[in-house]
């Protein structure tokens, strides 16, 4: 069953830009054969990742992600079935974000900004709300922001 999973975590201080590049390279290598797509946002202090694919596959991947030493306090925000992929051609698009200047590609309300900050602190959101906010970081195109 096609499903989605969103989690947030706290980035450890020793997780450098080079380590982020390793994460992206691993996603590019491993996600395509598993038919996993999604996006990864990261800041100096947090990760937020949206995964979509077969339910068992993304849950298994999430179990592996939780043990990655580059982050801690991994919290699932939402999980559930979806009727179609939100990011069908991106095995893992990435974008760096700043907590002080959240740069969305579309207009965003103050309520959306508050909801996104709640996401980053691990407060659960509805599946549709989390996805809607994550989509606002990426142009509706078929090419990833950074692959």
C-alpha atoms as a PDB file:
ATOM      1  CA  UNK A   1       0.000   0.000   0.000  1.00  0.00           C
ATOM      2  CA  UNK A   2       1.354   3.431  -0.965  1.00  0.00           C
ATOM      3  CA  UNK A   3       1.991   5.399   2.235  1.00  0.00           C
ATOM      4  CA  UNK A   4       3.703   8.487   3.569  1.00  0.00           C
ATOM      5  CA  UNK A   5       5.761   9.103   6.669  1.00  0.00           C
ATOM      6  CA  UNK A   6       7.000  12.421   8.068  1.00  0.00           C
ATOM      7  CA  UNK A   7       9.512  12.690  10.887  1.00  0.00           C
ATOM      8  CA  UNK A   8      11.580  15.395  12.532  1.00  0.00           C
ATOM      9  CA  UNK A   9      14.818  15.056  14.429  1.00  0.00           C
ATOM     10  CA  UNK A  10      17.508  17.105  16.086  1.00  0.00           C
ATOM     11  CA  UNK A  11      20.692  17.425  14.063  1.00  0.00           C
ATOM     12  CA  UNK A  12      23.801  16.681  16.104  1.00  0.00           C
ATOM     13  CA  UNK A  13      26.562  19.298  16.212  1.00  0.00           C
ATOM     14  CA  UNK A  14      29.037  16.960  14.511  1.00  0.00           C
ATOM     15  CA  UNK A  15      26.739  16.499  11.483  1.00  0.00           C
ATOM     16  CA  UNK A  16      28.625  18.658   8.993  1.00  0.00           C
ATOM     17  CA  UNK A  17      27.744  19.740   5.478  1.00  0.00           C
ATOM     18  CA  UNK A  18      29.857  16.824   4.252  1.00  0.00           C
ATOM     19  CA  UNK A  19      27.685  14.473   6.302  1.00  0.00           C
ATOM     20  CA  UNK A  20      24.539  15.975   4.740  1.00  0.00           C
ATOM     21  CA  UNK A  21      26.063  15.278   1.317  1.00  0.00           C
ATOM     22  CA  UNK A  22      26.623  11.656   2.388  1.00  0.00           C
ATOM     23  CA  UNK A  23      22.971  11.392   3.437  1.00  0.00           C
ATOM     24  CA  UNK A  24      21.837  12.700   0.044  1.00  0.00           C
ATOM     25  CA  UNK A  25      24.202  10.350  -1.825  1.00  0.00           C
ATOM     26  CA  UNK A  26      22.903   7.405   0.189  1.00  0.00           C
ATOM     27  CA  UNK A  27      19.303   8.379  -0.583  1.00  0.00           C
ATOM     28  CA  UNK A  28      20.091   8.644  -4.284  1.00  0.00           C
ATOM     29  CA  UNK A  29      21.685   5.216  -4.297  1.00  0.00           C
ATOM     30  CA  UNK A  30      19.225   3.367  -2.064  1.00  0.00           C
ATOM     31  CA  UNK A  31      15.803   4.943  -2.609  1.00  0.00           C
ATOM     32  CA  UNK A  32      15.332   4.268  -6.322  1.00  0.00           C
ATOM     33  CA  UNK A  33      15.555   0.454  -6.017  1.00  0.00           C
ATOM     34  CA  UNK A  34      13.150   0.628  -3.050  1.00  0.00           C
ATOM     35  CA  UNK A  35      10.761   2.917  -4.990  1.00  0.00           C
ATOM     36  CA  UNK A  36      10.937   5.550  -2.251  1.00  0.00           C
ATOM     37  CA  UNK A  37      10.490   9.233  -3.038  1.00  0.00           C
ATOM     38  CA  UNK A  38      10.328  12.346  -0.898  1.00  0.00           C
ATOM     39  CA  UNK A  39      12.061  15.431   0.417  1.00  0.00           C
ATOM     40  CA  UNK A  40      14.536  16.297   3.163  1.00  0.00           C
ATOM     41  CA  UNK A  41      14.686  19.740   4.759  1.00  0.00           C
ATOM     42  CA  UNK A  42      17.515  20.550   7.123  1.00  0.00           C
ATOM     43  CA  UNK A  43      18.717  23.440   9.232  1.00  0.00           C
ATOM     44  CA  UNK A  44      21.606  23.923  11.599  1.00  0.00           C
ATOM     45  CA  UNK A  45      19.570  22.183  14.294  1.00  0.00           C
ATOM     46  CA  UNK A  46      16.865  20.001  12.695  1.00  0.00           C
ATOM     47  CA  UNK A  47      15.898  17.556   9.988  1.00  0.00           C
ATOM     48  CA  UNK A  48      12.393  17.108   8.641  1.00  0.00           C
ATOM     49  CA  UNK A  49      11.842  14.371   6.090  1.00  0.00           C
ATOM     50  CA  UNK A  50       8.850  13.265   4.063  1.00  0.00           C
ATOM     51  CA  UNK A  51       9.030   9.718   2.685  1.00  0.00           C
ATOM     52  CA  UNK A  52       6.563   8.013   0.376  1.00  0.00           C
ATOM     53  CA  UNK A  53       6.497   4.438  -0.862  1.00  0.00           C
ATOM     54  CA  UNK A  54       5.318   0.993   0.139  1.00  0.00           C
ATOM     55  CA  UNK A  55       4.137   1.044   3.765  1.00  0.00           C
ATOM     56  CA  UNK A  56       6.382  -1.790   4.973  1.00  0.00           C
ATOM     57  CA  UNK A  57       9.373  -0.405   3.095  1.00  0.00           C
ATOM     58  CA  UNK A  58       9.145   3.102   4.543  1.00  0.00           C
ATOM     59  CA  UNK A  59       8.560   1.766   8.064  1.00  0.00           C
ATOM     60  CA  UNK A  60      11.641  -0.419   7.727  1.00  0.00           C
ATOM     61  CA  UNK A  61      13.629   2.546   6.416  1.00  0.00           C
ATOM     62  CA  UNK A  62      12.365   4.685   9.302  1.00  0.00           C
ATOM     63  CA  UNK A  63      13.644   2.065  11.757  1.00  0.00           C
ATOM     64  CA  UNK A  64      17.092   2.412  10.152  1.00  0.00           C
ATOM     65  CA  UNK A  65      16.902   6.217  10.108  1.00  0.00           C
ATOM     66  CA  UNK A  66      16.176   6.291  13.847  1.00  0.00           C
ATOM     67  CA  UNK A  67      19.557   4.683  14.556  1.00  0.00           C
ATOM     68  CA  UNK A  68      21.598   7.105  12.401  1.00  0.00           C
ATOM     69  CA  UNK A  69      24.207   8.742  14.673  1.00  0.00           C
ATOM     70  CA  UNK A  70      24.008  12.116  12.875  1.00  0.00           C
ATOM     71  CA  UNK A  71      20.759  12.992  14.610  1.00  0.00           C
ATOM     72  CA  UNK A  72      18.760  12.297  17.761  1.00  0.00           C
ATOM     73  CA  UNK A  73      15.270  12.726  19.194  1.00  0.00           C
ATOM     74  CA  UNK A  74      13.661  11.283  16.065  1.00  0.00           C
ATOM     75  CA  UNK A  75       9.894  11.808  16.219  1.00  0.00           C
ATOM     76  CA  UNK A  76       7.308  10.576  13.743  1.00  0.00           C
ATOM     77  CA  UNK A  77       4.887  13.386  12.933  1.00  0.00           C
ATOM     78  CA  UNK A  78       2.476  11.530  10.699  1.00  0.00           C
ATOM     79  CA  UNK A  79       2.124   8.245   8.843  1.00  0.00           C
ATOM     80  CA  UNK A  80      -0.599   6.794   6.679  1.00  0.00           C
ATOM     81  CA  UNK A  81      -1.821   5.711   3.264  1.00  0.00           C
ATOM     82  CA  UNK A  82      -1.886   8.094   0.301  1.00  0.00           C
ATOM     83  CA  UNK A  83      -3.643   7.759  -3.029  1.00  0.00           C
ATOM     84  CA  UNK A  84      -0.748   9.183  -5.048  1.00  0.00           C
ATOM     85  CA  UNK A  85       2.805  10.426  -4.618  1.00  0.00           C
ATOM     86  CA  UNK A  86       3.414  14.077  -3.860  1.00  0.00           C
ATOM     87  CA  UNK A  87       7.007  13.906  -5.140  1.00  0.00           C
ATOM     88  CA  UNK A  88       6.926  11.126  -7.778  1.00  0.00           C
ATOM     89  CA  UNK A  89      10.178  11.956  -9.554  1.00  0.00           C
ATOM     90  CA  UNK A  90      12.330  12.875  -6.564  1.00  0.00           C
ATOM     91  CA  UNK A  91      14.089   9.992  -4.877  1.00  0.00           C
ATOM     92  CA  UNK A  92      15.166  12.619  -2.353  1.00  0.00           C
ATOM     93  CA  UNK A  93      15.106  16.333  -2.984  1.00  0.00           C
ATOM     94  CA  UNK A  94      16.833  18.425  -0.339  1.00  0.00           C
ATOM     95  CA  UNK A  95      16.790  22.002   0.828  1.00  0.00           C
ATOM     96  CA  UNK A  96      18.602  23.869   3.572  1.00  0.00           C
ATOM     97  CA  UNK A  97      16.359  26.090   5.658  1.00  0.00           C
ATOM     98  CA  UNK A  98      16.874  28.754   8.270  1.00  0.00           C
ATOM     99  CA  UNK A  99      14.621  28.943  11.296  1.00  0.00           C
ATOM    100  CA  UNK A 100      14.868  32.718  11.203  1.00  0.00           C
ATOM    101  CA  UNK A 101      13.938  33.153   7.560  1.00  0.00           C
ATOM    102  CA  UNK A 102      11.687  30.385   6.342  1.00  0.00           C
ATOM    103  CA  UNK A 103      11.720  30.803   2.564  1.00  0.00           C
ATOM    104  CA  UNK A 104       8.581  29.372   1.036  1.00  0.00           C
ATOM    105  CA  UNK A 105       8.005  29.319  -2.727  1.00  0.00           C
ATOM    106  CA  UNK A 106       4.426  30.492  -2.255  1.00  0.00           C
ATOM    107  CA  UNK A 107       2.605  32.837   0.078  1.00  0.00           C
ATOM    108  CA  UNK A 108       2.301  31.518   3.583  1.00  0.00           C
ATOM    109  CA  UNK A 109       0.103  32.687   6.402  1.00  0.00           C
ATOM    110  CA  UNK A 110       1.276  33.394   9.923  1.00  0.00           C
ATOM    111  CA  UNK A 111      -0.740  30.341  10.989  1.00  0.00           C
ATOM    112  CA  UNK A 112       1.224  28.197   8.496  1.00  0.00           C
ATOM    113  CA  UNK A 113       4.490  29.541   9.898  1.00  0.00           C
ATOM    114  CA  UNK A 114       3.376  28.651  13.402  1.00  0.00           C
ATOM    115  CA  UNK A 115       2.284  25.178  12.273  1.00  0.00           C
ATOM    116  CA  UNK A 116       5.656  24.601  10.607  1.00  0.00           C
ATOM    117  CA  UNK A 117       7.481  25.601  13.779  1.00  0.00           C
ATOM    118  CA  UNK A 118       5.295  23.087  15.633  1.00  0.00           C
ATOM    119  CA  UNK A 119       6.318  20.429  13.103  1.00  0.00           C
ATOM    120  CA  UNK A 120       9.976  21.150  13.784  1.00  0.00           C
ATOM    121  CA  UNK A 121       9.445  20.687  17.504  1.00  0.00           C
ATOM    122  CA  UNK A 122       7.817  17.310  16.953  1.00  0.00           C
ATOM    123  CA  UNK A 123       4.196  18.224  17.515  1.00  0.00           C
ATOM    124  CA  UNK A 124       2.003  15.920  15.437  1.00  0.00           C
ATOM    125  CA  UNK A 125       0.058  17.372  12.536  1.00  0.00           C
ATOM    126  CA  UNK A 126      -2.516  15.946  10.206  1.00  0.00           C
ATOM    127  CA  UNK A 127      -1.051  14.171   7.181  1.00  0.00           C
ATOM    128  CA  UNK A 128      -2.535  16.672   4.738  1.00  0.00           C
ATOM    129  CA  UNK A 129      -1.357  19.699   6.747  1.00  0.00           C
ATOM    130  CA  UNK A 130       2.227  18.429   7.012  1.00  0.00           C
ATOM    131  CA  UNK A 131       2.357  17.604   3.304  1.00  0.00           C
ATOM    132  CA  UNK A 132       0.890  20.967   2.306  1.00  0.00           C
ATOM    133  CA  UNK A 133       3.553  22.809   4.287  1.00  0.00           C
ATOM    134  CA  UNK A 134       6.415  20.684   2.948  1.00  0.00           C
ATOM    135  CA  UNK A 135       5.252  21.215  -0.633  1.00  0.00           C
ATOM    136  CA  UNK A 136       5.559  24.959  -0.142  1.00  0.00           C
ATOM    137  CA  UNK A 137       9.346  24.611   0.025  1.00  0.00           C
ATOM    138  CA  UNK A 138       9.547  23.178  -3.479  1.00  0.00           C
ATOM    139  CA  UNK A 139       8.427  24.443  -6.856  1.00  0.00           C
ATOM    140  CA  UNK A 140       5.838  22.236  -8.516  1.00  0.00           C
ATOM    141  CA  UNK A 141       8.320  20.953 -11.080  1.00  0.00           C
ATOM    142  CA  UNK A 142       9.680  17.588 -12.091  1.00  0.00           C
ATOM    143  CA  UNK A 143      13.304  18.417 -11.249  1.00  0.00           C
ATOM    144  CA  UNK A 144      14.589  18.379  -7.682  1.00  0.00           C
ATOM    145  CA  UNK A 145      15.934  21.510  -6.026  1.00  0.00           C
ATOM    146  CA  UNK A 146      19.069  19.559  -5.186  1.00  0.00           C
ATOM    147  CA  UNK A 147      19.495  15.884  -5.874  1.00  0.00           C
END
